[in-house]
PDB file of N, CA and C in Angstrom:
ATOM      1  N   MET A   1     164.649  37.256  53.795  1.00  0.00           N
ATOM      2  CA  MET A   1     164.412  36.807  55.288  1.00  0.00           C
ATOM      3  C   MET A   1     164.987  38.020  56.071  1.00  0.00           C
ATOM      4  N   ASN A   2     164.412  38.126  57.374  1.00  0.00           N
ATOM      5  CA  ASN A   2     164.736  39.141  58.191  1.00  0.00           C
ATOM      6  C   ASN A   2     165.409  38.449  59.480  1.00  0.00           C
ATOM      7  N   PHE A   3     166.511  39.096  59.759  1.00  0.00           N
ATOM      8  CA  PHE A   3     167.280  38.679  61.122  1.00  0.00           C
ATOM      9  C   PHE A   3     167.716  39.926  61.820  1.00  0.00           C
ATOM     10  N   PRO A   4     166.875  40.482  62.610  1.00  0.00           N
ATOM     11  CA  PRO A   4     167.142  41.711  63.396  1.00  0.00           C
ATOM     12  C   PRO A   4     168.488  41.463  64.244  1.00  0.00           C
ATOM     13  N   SER A   5     169.414  42.524  64.073  1.00  0.00           N
ATOM     14  CA  SER A   5     170.610  42.832  64.596  1.00  0.00           C
ATOM     15  C   SER A   5     170.672  42.671  66.090  1.00  0.00           C
ATOM     16  N   GLU A   6     169.608  43.161  66.769  1.00  0.00           N
ATOM     17  CA  GLU A   6     169.635  43.152  68.221  1.00  0.00           C
ATOM     18  C   GLU A   6     169.331  42.048  68.828  1.00  0.00           C
ATOM     19  N   LEU A   7     169.007  40.986  68.122  1.00  0.00           N
ATOM     20  CA  LEU A   7     168.534  39.740  68.840  1.00  0.00           C
ATOM     21  C   LEU A   7     169.855  38.922  68.732  1.00  0.00           C
ATOM     22  N   LYS A   8     169.985  37.726  69.422  1.00  0.00           N
ATOM     23  CA  LYS A   8     170.975  36.783  69.498  1.00  0.00           C
ATOM     24  C   LYS A   8     170.059  35.400  68.898  1.00  0.00           C
ATOM     25  N   TYR A   9     170.961  34.505  68.424  1.00  0.00           N
ATOM     26  CA  TYR A   9     170.324  33.408  67.799  1.00  0.00           C
ATOM     27  C   TYR A   9     171.064  32.121  68.196  1.00  0.00           C
ATOM     28  N   THR A  10     170.399  30.993  67.894  1.00  0.00           N
ATOM     29  CA  THR A  10     170.982  29.657  68.220  1.00  0.00           C
ATOM     30  C   THR A  10     170.982  28.888  66.862  1.00  0.00           C
ATOM     31  N   LYS A  11     171.984  27.824  67.044  1.00  0.00           N
ATOM     32  CA  LYS A  11     172.008  26.956  65.787  1.00  0.00           C
ATOM     33  C   LYS A  11     170.737  26.290  65.676  1.00  0.00           C
ATOM     34  N   ASP A  12     169.886  26.112  66.645  1.00  0.00           N
ATOM     35  CA  ASP A  12     168.628  25.386  66.505  1.00  0.00           C
ATOM     36  C   ASP A  12     167.533  26.314  65.980  1.00  0.00           C
ATOM     37  N   HIS A  13     167.784  27.603  65.621  1.00  0.00           N
ATOM     38  CA  HIS A  13     166.904  28.563  64.995  1.00  0.00           C
ATOM     39  C   HIS A  13     165.916  29.072  65.973  1.00  0.00           C
ATOM     40  N   GLU A  14     166.378  29.331  67.327  1.00  0.00           N
ATOM     41  CA  GLU A  14     165.639  30.167  68.195  1.00  0.00           C
ATOM     42  C   GLU A  14     166.311  31.461  68.245  1.00  0.00           C
ATOM     43  N   TRP A  15     165.626  32.538  68.697  1.00  0.00           N
ATOM     44  CA  TRP A  15     166.152  33.959  68.853  1.00  0.00           C
ATOM     45  C   TRP A  15     165.841  34.143  70.310  1.00  0.00           C
ATOM     46  N   ILE A  16     166.565  35.217  70.825  1.00  0.00           N
ATOM     47  CA  ILE A  16     166.445  35.594  72.299  1.00  0.00           C
ATOM     48  C   ILE A  16     166.628  37.199  72.292  1.00  0.00           C
ATOM     49  N   ARG A  17     165.811  38.048  72.923  1.00  0.00           N
ATOM     50  CA  ARG A  17     165.872  39.424  73.104  1.00  0.00           C
ATOM     51  C   ARG A  17     165.825  39.677  74.552  1.00  0.00           C
ATOM     52  N   VAL A  18     166.896  40.171  75.132  1.00  0.00           N
ATOM     53  CA  VAL A  18     166.835  40.477  76.520  1.00  0.00           C
ATOM     54  C   VAL A  18     166.207  41.851  76.799  1.00  0.00           C
ATOM     55  N   GLU A  19     165.433  41.924  77.809  1.00  0.00           N
ATOM     56  CA  GLU A  19     164.698  43.096  78.195  1.00  0.00           C
ATOM     57  C   GLU A  19     164.959  43.339  79.814  1.00  0.00           C
ATOM     58  N   GLY A  20     166.147  43.983  80.315  1.00  0.00           N
ATOM     59  CA  GLY A  20     166.257  43.961  81.629  1.00  0.00           C
ATOM     60  C   GLY A  20     166.748  42.559  82.191  1.00  0.00           C
ATOM     61  N   ASP A  21     166.153  42.100  83.238  1.00  0.00           N
ATOM     62  CA  ASP A  21     166.446  40.742  83.658  1.00  0.00           C
ATOM     63  C   ASP A  21     165.426  39.605  83.163  1.00  0.00           C
ATOM     64  N   THR A  22     164.861  39.895  82.159  1.00  0.00           N
ATOM     65  CA  THR A  22     163.890  38.781  81.508  1.00  0.00           C
ATOM     66  C   THR A  22     164.285  38.774  79.967  1.00  0.00           C
ATOM     67  N   ALA A  23     163.875  37.841  79.239  1.00  0.00           N
ATOM     68  CA  ALA A  23     164.164  37.668  77.959  1.00  0.00           C
ATOM     69  C   ALA A  23     162.955  37.223  77.253  1.00  0.00           C
ATOM     70  N   PHE A  24     162.684  37.558  76.043  1.00  0.00           N
ATOM     71  CA  PHE A  24     161.727  36.831  75.188  1.00  0.00           C
ATOM     72  C   PHE A  24     162.394  35.924  74.121  1.00  0.00           C
ATOM     73  N   VAL A  25     161.829  34.756  73.847  1.00  0.00           N
ATOM     74  CA  VAL A  25     162.340  33.789  72.964  1.00  0.00           C
ATOM     75  C   VAL A  25     161.368  33.368  71.986  1.00  0.00           C
ATOM     76  N   GLY A  26     161.724  33.125  70.776  1.00  0.00           N
ATOM     77  CA  GLY A  26     160.958  32.695  69.645  1.00  0.00           C
ATOM     78  C   GLY A  26     161.675  32.006  68.704  1.00  0.00           C
ATOM     79  N   ILE A  27     161.057  31.752  67.481  1.00  0.00           N
ATOM     80  CA  ILE A  27     161.692  30.896  66.397  1.00  0.00           C
ATOM     81  C   ILE A  27     162.038  32.035  65.351  1.00  0.00           C
ATOM     82  N   THR A  28     163.144  31.825  64.522  1.00  0.00           N
ATOM     83  CA  THR A  28     163.494  32.856  63.453  1.00  0.00           C
ATOM     84  C   THR A  28     162.553  32.631  62.372  1.00  0.00           C
ATOM     85  N   ASP A  29     162.792  33.728  61.373  1.00  0.00           N
ATOM     86  CA  ASP A  29     161.955  33.820  60.203  1.00  0.00           C
ATOM     87  C   ASP A  29     162.192  32.575  59.364  1.00  0.00           C
ATOM     88  N   TYR A  30     163.610  32.085  59.284  1.00  0.00           N
ATOM     89  CA  TYR A  30     164.049  31.074  58.552  1.00  0.00           C
ATOM     90  C   TYR A  30     163.364  29.828  58.920  1.00  0.00           C
ATOM     91  N   ALA A  31     163.215  29.556  60.309  1.00  0.00           N
ATOM     92  CA  ALA A  31     162.670  28.376  60.891  1.00  0.00           C
ATOM     93  C   ALA A  31     161.181  28.325  60.634  1.00  0.00           C
ATOM     94  N   GLN A  32     160.320  29.303  60.662  1.00  0.00           N
ATOM     95  CA  GLN A  32     158.920  29.364  60.502  1.00  0.00           C
ATOM     96  C   GLN A  32     158.925  29.075  58.944  1.00  0.00           C
ATOM     97  N   GLN A  33     159.700  29.702  58.008  1.00  0.00           N
ATOM     98  CA  GLN A  33     159.525  29.400  56.587  1.00  0.00           C
ATOM     99  C   GLN A  33     159.843  28.023  56.341  1.00  0.00           C
ATOM    100  N   GLU A  34     160.925  27.243  56.913  1.00  0.00           N
ATOM    101  CA  GLU A  34     161.334  25.976  56.722  1.00  0.00           C
ATOM    102  C   GLU A  34     159.993  25.027  57.266  1.00  0.00           C
ATOM    103  N   LEU A  35     159.328  25.499  58.467  1.00  0.00           N
ATOM    104  CA  LEU A  35     158.345  24.572  58.987  1.00  0.00           C
ATOM    105  C   LEU A  35     157.038  24.663  58.178  1.00  0.00           C
ATOM    106  N   GLY A  36     156.856  25.802  57.539  1.00  0.00           N
ATOM    107  CA  GLY A  36     155.475  26.062  56.824  1.00  0.00           C
ATOM    108  C   GLY A  36     154.414  26.471  57.865  1.00  0.00           C
ATOM    109  N   GLU A  37     153.128  26.298  57.497  1.00  0.00           N
ATOM    110  CA  GLU A  37     151.986  26.826  58.339  1.00  0.00           C
ATOM    111  C   GLU A  37     152.027  26.171  59.613  1.00  0.00           C
ATOM    112  N   ILE A  38     152.229  26.944  60.539  1.00  0.00           N
ATOM    113  CA  ILE A  38     152.054  26.525  62.007  1.00  0.00           C
ATOM    114  C   ILE A  38     150.696  26.299  62.499  1.00  0.00           C
ATOM    115  N   VAL A  39     150.227  25.244  63.051  1.00  0.00           N
ATOM    116  CA  VAL A  39     148.980  25.190  63.478  1.00  0.00           C
ATOM    117  C   VAL A  39     148.775  24.857  64.848  1.00  0.00           C
ATOM    118  N   PHE A  40     149.785  24.604  65.675  1.00  0.00           N
ATOM    119  CA  PHE A  40     149.628  24.417  67.157  1.00  0.00           C
ATOM    120  C   PHE A  40     151.006  24.698  67.676  1.00  0.00           C
ATOM    121  N   VAL A  41     150.870  25.338  68.777  1.00  0.00           N
ATOM    122  CA  VAL A  41     152.148  25.485  69.734  1.00  0.00           C
ATOM    123  C   VAL A  41     151.818  24.981  70.983  1.00  0.00           C
ATOM    124  N   ASP A  42     152.736  24.106  71.366  1.00  0.00           N
ATOM    125  CA  ASP A  42     152.467  23.240  72.509  1.00  0.00           C
ATOM    126  C   ASP A  42     153.687  23.607  73.529  1.00  0.00           C
ATOM    127  N   ILE A  43     153.438  24.333  74.611  1.00  0.00           N
ATOM    128  CA  ILE A  43     154.394  24.699  75.612  1.00  0.00           C
ATOM    129  C   ILE A  43     153.817  24.538  76.964  1.00  0.00           C
ATOM    130  N   ALA A  44     154.210  23.678  77.667  1.00  0.00           N
ATOM    131  CA  ALA A  44     153.635  23.374  79.113  1.00  0.00           C
ATOM    132  C   ALA A  44     154.761  23.506  80.198  1.00  0.00           C
ATOM    133  N   THR A  45     155.751  24.441  79.958  1.00  0.00           N
ATOM    134  CA  THR A  45     156.864  24.401  80.957  1.00  0.00           C
ATOM    135  C   THR A  45     156.941  25.747  81.728  1.00  0.00           C
ATOM    136  N   GLU A  46     155.802  26.454  81.717  1.00  0.00           N
ATOM    137  CA  GLU A  46     155.692  27.752  82.500  1.00  0.00           C
ATOM    138  C   GLU A  46     155.885  27.317  83.850  1.00  0.00           C
ATOM    139  N   GLY A  47     156.737  28.240  84.591  1.00  0.00           N
ATOM    140  CA  GLY A  47     157.209  27.911  86.080  1.00  0.00           C
ATOM    141  C   GLY A  47     158.276  27.047  86.159  1.00  0.00           C
ATOM    142  N   GLU A  48     158.689  26.321  85.126  1.00  0.00           N
ATOM    143  CA  GLU A  48     159.889  25.397  85.318  1.00  0.00           C
ATOM    144  C   GLU A  48     161.194  26.210  84.954  1.00  0.00           C
ATOM    145  N   THR A  49     162.264  25.564  85.572  1.00  0.00           N
ATOM    146  CA  THR A  49     163.575  26.036  85.242  1.00  0.00           C
ATOM    147  C   THR A  49     164.299  24.928  84.506  1.00  0.00           C
ATOM    148  N   LEU A  50     164.641  25.421  83.394  1.00  0.00           N
ATOM    149  CA  LEU A  50     165.204  24.411  82.317  1.00  0.00           C
ATOM    150  C   LEU A  50     166.668  24.721  81.940  1.00  0.00           C
ATOM    151  N   ALA A  51     167.392  23.744  81.503  1.00  0.00           N
ATOM    152  CA  ALA A  51     168.891  23.810  81.130  1.00  0.00           C
ATOM    153  C   ALA A  51     169.122  24.412  79.745  1.00  0.00           C
ATOM    154  N   LYS A  52     170.044  24.899  79.396  1.00  0.00           N
ATOM    155  CA  LYS A  52     170.317  25.351  78.042  1.00  0.00           C
ATOM    156  C   LYS A  52     170.065  24.187  77.126  1.00  0.00           C
ATOM    157  N   ASP A  53     169.557  24.216  75.855  1.00  0.00           N
ATOM    158  CA  ASP A  53     169.336  23.158  74.920  1.00  0.00           C
ATOM    159  C   ASP A  53     168.262  22.325  75.354  1.00  0.00           C
ATOM    160  N   GLU A  54     167.496  22.490  76.543  1.00  0.00           N
ATOM    161  CA  GLU A  54     166.441  21.663  76.978  1.00  0.00           C
ATOM    162  C   GLU A  54     165.199  21.933  76.247  1.00  0.00           C
ATOM    163  N   ALA A  55     164.451  21.078  75.740  1.00  0.00           N
ATOM    164  CA  ALA A  55     163.022  21.272  75.150  1.00  0.00           C
ATOM    165  C   ALA A  55     162.214  22.099  76.040  1.00  0.00           C
ATOM    166  N   PHE A  56     161.571  23.075  75.556  1.00  0.00           N
ATOM    167  CA  PHE A  56     160.650  23.833  76.421  1.00  0.00           C
ATOM    168  C   PHE A  56     159.206  23.709  75.814  1.00  0.00           C
ATOM    169  N   GLY A  57     159.106  22.987  74.584  1.00  0.00           N
ATOM    170  CA  GLY A  57     157.739  22.767  73.991  1.00  0.00           C
ATOM    171  C   GLY A  57     158.041  22.281  72.673  1.00  0.00           C
ATOM    172  N   SER A  58     156.955  22.487  71.825  1.00  0.00           N
ATOM    173  CA  SER A  58     157.192  22.145  70.495  1.00  0.00           C
ATOM    174  C   SER A  58     156.100  22.941  69.632  1.00  0.00           C
ATOM    175  N   VAL A  59     156.371  23.051  68.358  1.00  0.00           N
ATOM    176  CA  VAL A  59     155.557  23.662  67.343  1.00  0.00           C
ATOM    177  C   VAL A  59     155.230  22.615  66.344  1.00  0.00           C
ATOM    178  N   GLU A  60     153.838  22.750  65.981  1.00  0.00           N
ATOM    179  CA  GLU A  60     153.371  21.635  64.955  1.00  0.00           C
ATOM    180  C   GLU A  60     152.994  22.490  63.756  1.00  0.00           C
ATOM    181  N   ALA A  61     153.503  22.024  62.686  1.00  0.00           N
ATOM    182  CA  ALA A  61     153.222  22.552  61.320  1.00  0.00           C
ATOM    183  C   ALA A  61     152.336  21.616  60.636  1.00  0.00           C
ATOM    184  N   VAL A  62     151.786  21.861  59.423  1.00  0.00           N
ATOM    185  CA  VAL A  62     150.944  20.969  58.659  1.00  0.00           C
ATOM    186  C   VAL A  62     151.722  19.692  58.525  1.00  0.00           C
ATOM    187  N   LYS A  63     153.186  19.783  58.163  1.00  0.00           N
ATOM    188  CA  LYS A  63     153.817  18.378  57.939  1.00  0.00           C
ATOM    189  C   LYS A  63     154.597  17.907  58.858  1.00  0.00           C
ATOM    190  N   THR A  64     154.825  18.571  60.027  1.00  0.00           N
ATOM    191  CA  THR A  64     155.936  18.095  60.791  1.00  0.00           C
ATOM    192  C   THR A  64     155.682  18.780  62.348  1.00  0.00           C
ATOM    193  N   VAL A  65     156.414  18.092  63.226  1.00  0.00           N
ATOM    194  CA  VAL A  65     156.339  18.724  64.565  1.00  0.00           C
ATOM    195  C   VAL A  65     157.883  18.930  64.934  1.00  0.00           C
ATOM    196  N   SER A  66     158.219  20.166  65.563  1.00  0.00           N
ATOM    197  CA  SER A  66     159.591  20.402  65.859  1.00  0.00           C
ATOM    198  C   SER A  66     159.801  20.945  67.312  1.00  0.00           C
ATOM    199  N   ASP A  67     160.638  20.360  67.936  1.00  0.00           N
ATOM    200  CA  ASP A  67     160.945  20.774  69.242  1.00  0.00           C
ATOM    201  C   ASP A  67     161.474  22.216  69.343  1.00  0.00           C
ATOM    202  N   LEU A  68     161.134  22.939  70.541  1.00  0.00           N
ATOM    203  CA  LEU A  68     161.768  24.071  70.999  1.00  0.00           C
ATOM    204  C   LEU A  68     162.732  24.032  71.914  1.00  0.00           C
ATOM    205  N   LEU A  69     163.990  24.543  71.958  1.00  0.00           N
ATOM    206  CA  LEU A  69     164.996  24.388  72.683  1.00  0.00           C
ATOM    207  C   LEU A  69     165.397  25.557  73.323  1.00  0.00           C
ATOM    208  N   MET A  70     165.718  25.697  74.691  1.00  0.00           N
ATOM    209  CA  MET A  70     166.034  26.728  75.407  1.00  0.00           C
ATOM    210  C   MET A  70     167.454  27.406  74.869  1.00  0.00           C
ATOM    211  N   PRO A  71     167.559  28.666  74.662  1.00  0.00           N
ATOM    212  CA  PRO A  71     168.842  29.227  74.195  1.00  0.00           C
ATOM    213  C   PRO A  71     169.640  29.325  75.325  1.00  0.00           C
ATOM    214  N   VAL A  72     169.192  29.678  76.371  1.00  0.00           N
ATOM    215  CA  VAL A  72     170.010  29.765  77.654  1.00  0.00           C
ATOM    216  C   VAL A  72     169.281  29.080  78.831  1.00  0.00           C
ATOM    217  N   ALA A  73     170.074  28.584  79.874  1.00  0.00           N
ATOM    218  CA  ALA A  73     169.291  28.122  81.001  1.00  0.00           C
ATOM    219  C   ALA A  73     168.601  29.268  81.827  1.00  0.00           C
ATOM    220  N   GLY A  74     167.358  28.918  82.439  1.00  0.00           N
ATOM    221  CA  GLY A  74     166.550  29.811  83.067  1.00  0.00           C
ATOM    222  C   GLY A  74     165.140  29.335  83.330  1.00  0.00           C
ATOM    223  N   GLU A  75     164.437  30.092  83.938  1.00  0.00           N
ATOM    224  CA  GLU A  75     163.153  29.940  84.412  1.00  0.00           C
ATOM    225  C   GLU A  75     161.985  30.546  83.202  1.00  0.00           C
ATOM    226  N   VAL A  76     161.158  29.511  82.861  1.00  0.00           N
ATOM    227  CA  VAL A  76     160.129  30.045  81.945  1.00  0.00           C
ATOM    228  C   VAL A  76     159.082  30.694  82.821  1.00  0.00           C
ATOM    229  N   LEU A  77     158.837  31.958  82.470  1.00  0.00           N
ATOM    230  CA  LEU A  77     158.198  32.927  83.213  1.00  0.00           C
ATOM    231  C   LEU A  77     156.693  32.894  82.737  1.00  0.00           C
ATOM    232  N   GLU A  78     156.552  33.100  81.423  1.00  0.00           N
ATOM    233  CA  GLU A  78     155.086  33.189  80.794  1.00  0.00           C
ATOM    234  C   GLU A  78     155.242  32.565  79.353  1.00  0.00           C
ATOM    235  N   VAL A  79     154.155  31.967  78.852  1.00  0.00           N
ATOM    236  CA  VAL A  79     154.033  31.543  77.590  1.00  0.00           C
ATOM    237  C   VAL A  79     153.080  32.570  76.797  1.00  0.00           C
ATOM    238  N   ASN A  80     153.412  32.847  75.621  1.00  0.00           N
ATOM    239  CA  ASN A  80     152.429  33.894  74.875  1.00  0.00           C
ATOM    240  C   ASN A  80     151.114  33.419  74.829  1.00  0.00           C
ATOM    241  N   PRO A  81     150.159  34.054  75.575  1.00  0.00           N
ATOM    242  CA  PRO A  81     148.762  33.679  75.471  1.00  0.00           C
ATOM    243  C   PRO A  81     148.159  33.646  74.291  1.00  0.00           C
ATOM    244  N   GLU A  82     148.571  34.651  73.386  1.00  0.00           N
ATOM    245  CA  GLU A  82     147.818  34.703  72.066  1.00  0.00           C
ATOM    246  C   GLU A  82     148.097  33.645  71.177  1.00  0.00           C
ATOM    247  N   LEU A  83     149.010  32.763  71.376  1.00  0.00           N
ATOM    248  CA  LEU A  83     149.370  31.685  70.338  1.00  0.00           C
ATOM    249  C   LEU A  83     148.379  30.414  70.627  1.00  0.00           C
ATOM    250  N   GLU A  84     147.543  30.306  71.669  1.00  0.00           N
ATOM    251  CA  GLU A  84     146.647  29.324  71.837  1.00  0.00           C
ATOM    252  C   GLU A  84     145.575  29.437  70.736  1.00  0.00           C
ATOM    253  N   ASP A  85     145.066  30.687  70.450  1.00  0.00           N
ATOM    254  CA  ASP A  85     144.025  30.873  69.453  1.00  0.00           C
ATOM    255  C   ASP A  85     144.612  31.259  68.030  1.00  0.00           C
ATOM    256  N   LYS A  86     145.860  31.699  68.138  1.00  0.00           N
ATOM    257  CA  LYS A  86     146.512  32.218  66.874  1.00  0.00           C
ATOM    258  C   LYS A  86     147.936  31.726  66.747  1.00  0.00           C
ATOM    259  N   PRO A  87     148.225  30.384  66.591  1.00  0.00           N
ATOM    260  CA  PRO A  87     149.636  29.883  66.331  1.00  0.00           C
ATOM    261  C   PRO A  87     150.030  30.658  65.112  1.00  0.00           C
ATOM    262  N   GLU A  88     149.350  30.978  64.098  1.00  0.00           N
ATOM    263  CA  GLU A  88     149.950  31.491  63.046  1.00  0.00           C
ATOM    264  C   GLU A  88     150.677  32.825  63.088  1.00  0.00           C
ATOM    265  N   LEU A  89     150.622  33.486  64.226  1.00  0.00           N
ATOM    266  CA  LEU A  89     151.538  34.717  64.490  1.00  0.00           C
ATOM    267  C   LEU A  89     152.963  34.258  64.441  1.00  0.00           C
ATOM    268  N   VAL A  90     153.382  33.039  64.772  1.00  0.00           N
ATOM    269  CA  VAL A  90     154.566  32.655  64.559  1.00  0.00           C
ATOM    270  C   VAL A  90     155.078  32.570  63.347  1.00  0.00           C
ATOM    271  N   ASN A  91     154.271  32.619  62.118  1.00  0.00           N
ATOM    272  CA  ASN A  91     154.599  32.665  60.751  1.00  0.00           C
ATOM    273  C   ASN A  91     154.617  34.226  60.463  1.00  0.00           C
ATOM    274  N   SER A  92     153.498  34.872  60.761  1.00  0.00           N
ATOM    275  CA  SER A  92     153.462  36.077  60.260  1.00  0.00           C
ATOM    276  C   SER A  92     154.214  37.237  61.013  1.00  0.00           C
ATOM    277  N   ASP A  93     154.659  36.927  62.187  1.00  0.00           N
ATOM    278  CA  ASP A  93     155.477  38.097  63.032  1.00  0.00           C
ATOM    279  C   ASP A  93     156.303  37.383  63.918  1.00  0.00           C
ATOM    280  N   PRO A  94     157.246  36.380  63.426  1.00  0.00           N
ATOM    281  CA  PRO A  94     158.183  35.825  64.270  1.00  0.00           C
ATOM    282  C   PRO A  94     158.898  36.377  65.405  1.00  0.00           C
ATOM    283  N   TYR A  95     159.347  37.766  65.173  1.00  0.00           N
ATOM    284  CA  TYR A  95     160.020  38.472  66.018  1.00  0.00           C
ATOM    285  C   TYR A  95     159.035  39.488  66.939  1.00  0.00           C
ATOM    286  N   GLY A  96     157.823  39.495  66.669  1.00  0.00           N
ATOM    287  CA  GLY A  96     157.123  40.457  67.391  1.00  0.00           C
ATOM    288  C   GLY A  96     155.997  39.656  68.155  1.00  0.00           C
ATOM    289  N   GLN A  97     154.720  39.611  67.712  1.00  0.00           N
ATOM    290  CA  GLN A  97     153.514  39.117  68.260  1.00  0.00           C
ATOM    291  C   GLN A  97     153.716  37.501  68.387  1.00  0.00           C
ATOM    292  N   GLY A  98     154.595  36.923  67.581  1.00  0.00           N
ATOM    293  CA  GLY A  98     154.740  35.510  67.394  1.00  0.00           C
ATOM    294  C   GLY A  98     155.701  35.058  68.520  1.00  0.00           C
ATOM    295  N   TRP A  99     156.317  35.821  69.683  1.00  0.00           N
ATOM    296  CA  TRP A  99     157.219  35.348  70.471  1.00  0.00           C
ATOM    297  C   TRP A  99     156.502  34.140  71.301  1.00  0.00           C
ATOM    298  N   LEU A 100     157.391  33.267  71.690  1.00  0.00           N
ATOM    299  CA  LEU A 100     156.805  31.956  72.404  1.00  0.00           C
ATOM    300  C   LEU A 100     156.824  32.167  74.002  1.00  0.00           C
ATOM    301  N   ILE A 101     157.975  32.447  74.526  1.00  0.00           N
ATOM    302  CA  ILE A 101     158.101  32.354  75.894  1.00  0.00           C
ATOM    303  C   ILE A 101     158.851  33.549  76.237  1.00  0.00           C
ATOM    304  N   LYS A 102     158.447  33.974  77.723  1.00  0.00           N
ATOM    305  CA  LYS A 102     159.393  34.910  78.389  1.00  0.00           C
ATOM    306  C   LYS A 102     160.233  34.115  79.568  1.00  0.00           C
ATOM    307  N   VAL A 103     161.418  34.397  79.491  1.00  0.00           N
ATOM    308  CA  VAL A 103     162.276  33.638  80.504  1.00  0.00           C
ATOM    309  C   VAL A 103     163.095  34.607  81.436  1.00  0.00           C
ATOM    310  N   LYS A 104     163.471  34.038  82.424  1.00  0.00           N
ATOM    311  CA  LYS A 104     164.539  34.643  83.405  1.00  0.00           C
ATOM    312  C   LYS A 104     165.646  33.971  83.353  1.00  0.00           C
ATOM    313  N   PRO A 105     166.725  34.540  82.566  1.00  0.00           N
ATOM    314  CA  PRO A 105     167.992  33.652  82.432  1.00  0.00           C
ATOM    315  C   PRO A 105     168.664  33.441  83.780  1.00  0.00           C
ATOM    316  N   ALA A 106     169.156  32.348  83.871  1.00  0.00           N
ATOM    317  CA  ALA A 106     170.022  32.026  85.003  1.00  0.00           C
ATOM    318  C   ALA A 106     171.092  32.982  85.093  1.00  0.00           C
ATOM    319  N   ASN A 107     171.787  33.274  84.047  1.00  0.00           N
ATOM    320  CA  ASN A 107     172.766  34.126  83.750  1.00  0.00           C
ATOM    321  C   ASN A 107     172.679  34.806  82.550  1.00  0.00           C
ATOM    322  N   VAL A 108     172.415  36.205  82.654  1.00  0.00           N
ATOM    323  CA  VAL A 108     172.145  36.963  81.206  1.00  0.00           C
ATOM    324  C   VAL A 108     173.332  37.109  80.435  1.00  0.00           C
ATOM    325  N   ALA A 109     174.650  37.005  81.065  1.00  0.00           N
ATOM    326  CA  ALA A 109     175.833  36.898  80.432  1.00  0.00           C
ATOM    327  C   ALA A 109     175.873  35.743  79.418  1.00  0.00           C
ATOM    328  N   ASP A 110     175.167  34.720  79.453  1.00  0.00           N
ATOM    329  CA  ASP A 110     175.252  33.558  78.682  1.00  0.00           C
ATOM    330  C   ASP A 110     174.742  34.050  77.272  1.00  0.00           C
ATOM    331  N   VAL A 111     173.687  34.811  77.060  1.00  0.00           N
ATOM    332  CA  VAL A 111     173.282  35.356  76.059  1.00  0.00           C
ATOM    333  C   VAL A 111     174.143  36.066  75.052  1.00  0.00           C
ATOM    334  N   GLU A 112     175.251  36.577  75.501  1.00  0.00           N
ATOM    335  CA  GLU A 112     176.276  37.037  74.823  1.00  0.00           C
ATOM    336  C   GLU A 112     177.080  36.004  73.985  1.00  0.00           C
ATOM    337  N   GLY A 113     177.160  34.794  74.377  1.00  0.00           N
ATOM    338  CA  GLY A 113     177.838  33.590  73.814  1.00  0.00           C
ATOM    339  C   GLY A 113     177.113  33.014  72.686  1.00  0.00           C
ATOM    340  N   LEU A 114     175.869  33.541  72.497  1.00  0.00           N
ATOM    341  CA  LEU A 114     174.917  32.921  71.223  1.00  0.00           C
ATOM    342  C   LEU A 114     175.420  33.665  69.881  1.00  0.00           C
ATOM    343  N   LEU A 115     174.792  33.329  68.857  1.00  0.00           N
ATOM    344  CA  LEU A 115     175.171  33.849  67.457  1.00  0.00           C
ATOM    345  C   LEU A 115     174.602  35.157  67.209  1.00  0.00           C
ATOM    346  N   SER A 116     175.425  36.041  66.727  1.00  0.00           N
ATOM    347  CA  SER A 116     174.982  37.296  66.220  1.00  0.00           C
ATOM    348  C   SER A 116     174.254  37.172  64.828  1.00  0.00           C
ATOM    349  N   ALA A 117     173.542  38.092  64.461  1.00  0.00           N
ATOM    350  CA  ALA A 117     172.610  37.970  63.184  1.00  0.00           C
ATOM    351  C   ALA A 117     173.494  37.631  62.122  1.00  0.00           C
ATOM    352  N   ASP A 118     174.709  38.249  61.928  1.00  0.00           N
ATOM    353  CA  ASP A 118     175.557  37.918  60.768  1.00  0.00           C
ATOM    354  C   ASP A 118     176.114  36.431  60.906  1.00  0.00           C
ATOM    355  N   ASP A 119     176.403  36.077  62.216  1.00  0.00           N
ATOM    356  CA  ASP A 119     176.835  34.581  62.285  1.00  0.00           C
ATOM    357  C   ASP A 119     175.718  33.575  61.962  1.00  0.00           C
ATOM    358  N   TYR A 120     174.593  33.973  62.244  1.00  0.00           N
ATOM    359  CA  TYR A 120     173.374  33.157  62.009  1.00  0.00           C
ATOM    360  C   TYR A 120     173.245  32.997  60.519  1.00  0.00           C
ATOM    361  N   LYS A 121     173.263  34.188  59.872  1.00  0.00           N
ATOM    362  CA  LYS A 121     173.109  34.172  58.440  1.00  0.00           C
ATOM    363  C   LYS A 121     174.138  33.158  57.648  1.00  0.00           C
ATOM    364  N   LYS A 122     175.339  33.112  58.214  1.00  0.00           N
ATOM    365  CA  LYS A 122     176.425  32.235  57.769  1.00  0.00           C
ATOM    366  C   LYS A 122     176.019  30.966  58.014  1.00  0.00           C
ATOM    367  N   LEU A 123     175.512  30.540  59.016  1.00  0.00           N
ATOM    368  CA  LEU A 123     175.212  29.173  59.537  1.00  0.00           C
ATOM    369  C   LEU A 123     174.108  28.626  58.548  1.00  0.00           C
ATOM    370  N   ILE A 124     172.975  29.503  58.235  1.00  0.00           N
ATOM    371  CA  ILE A 124     172.021  28.979  57.390  1.00  0.00           C
ATOM    372  C   ILE A 124     172.265  29.002  55.840  1.00  0.00           C
ATOM    373  N   GLY A 125     173.357  29.691  55.607  1.00  0.00           N
ATOM    374  CA  GLY A 125     173.790  29.848  54.311  1.00  0.00           C
ATOM    375  C   GLY A 125     173.041  30.971  53.415  1.00  0.00           C
TER     376      GLY A 125
END
């Protein structure tokens, strides 16, 4: 499994990558493998400001539906438009084309409090 060291991770299996004053959020390689084939991504929170750990949407796999939780408080700026027609991008490229949302963190420093790649690896065993 792949866990890029430049990303930060949550105990709920989301990742976040900060670029300037915005950040991309997705689910980890571990999460997509555990879920299996993702068939639908449901995110209807674009334009909303959400708290840390608040659900911003869900992913539906063949056998289950899983909530997606905000890694930090902030405003959902954009939902990845490619996922409407190609939800499988979350499986094939979870850290690239399979990103879920772009957010404007309320406080970018909050990202530093999340798990490093090494800490995340320890969490999942």
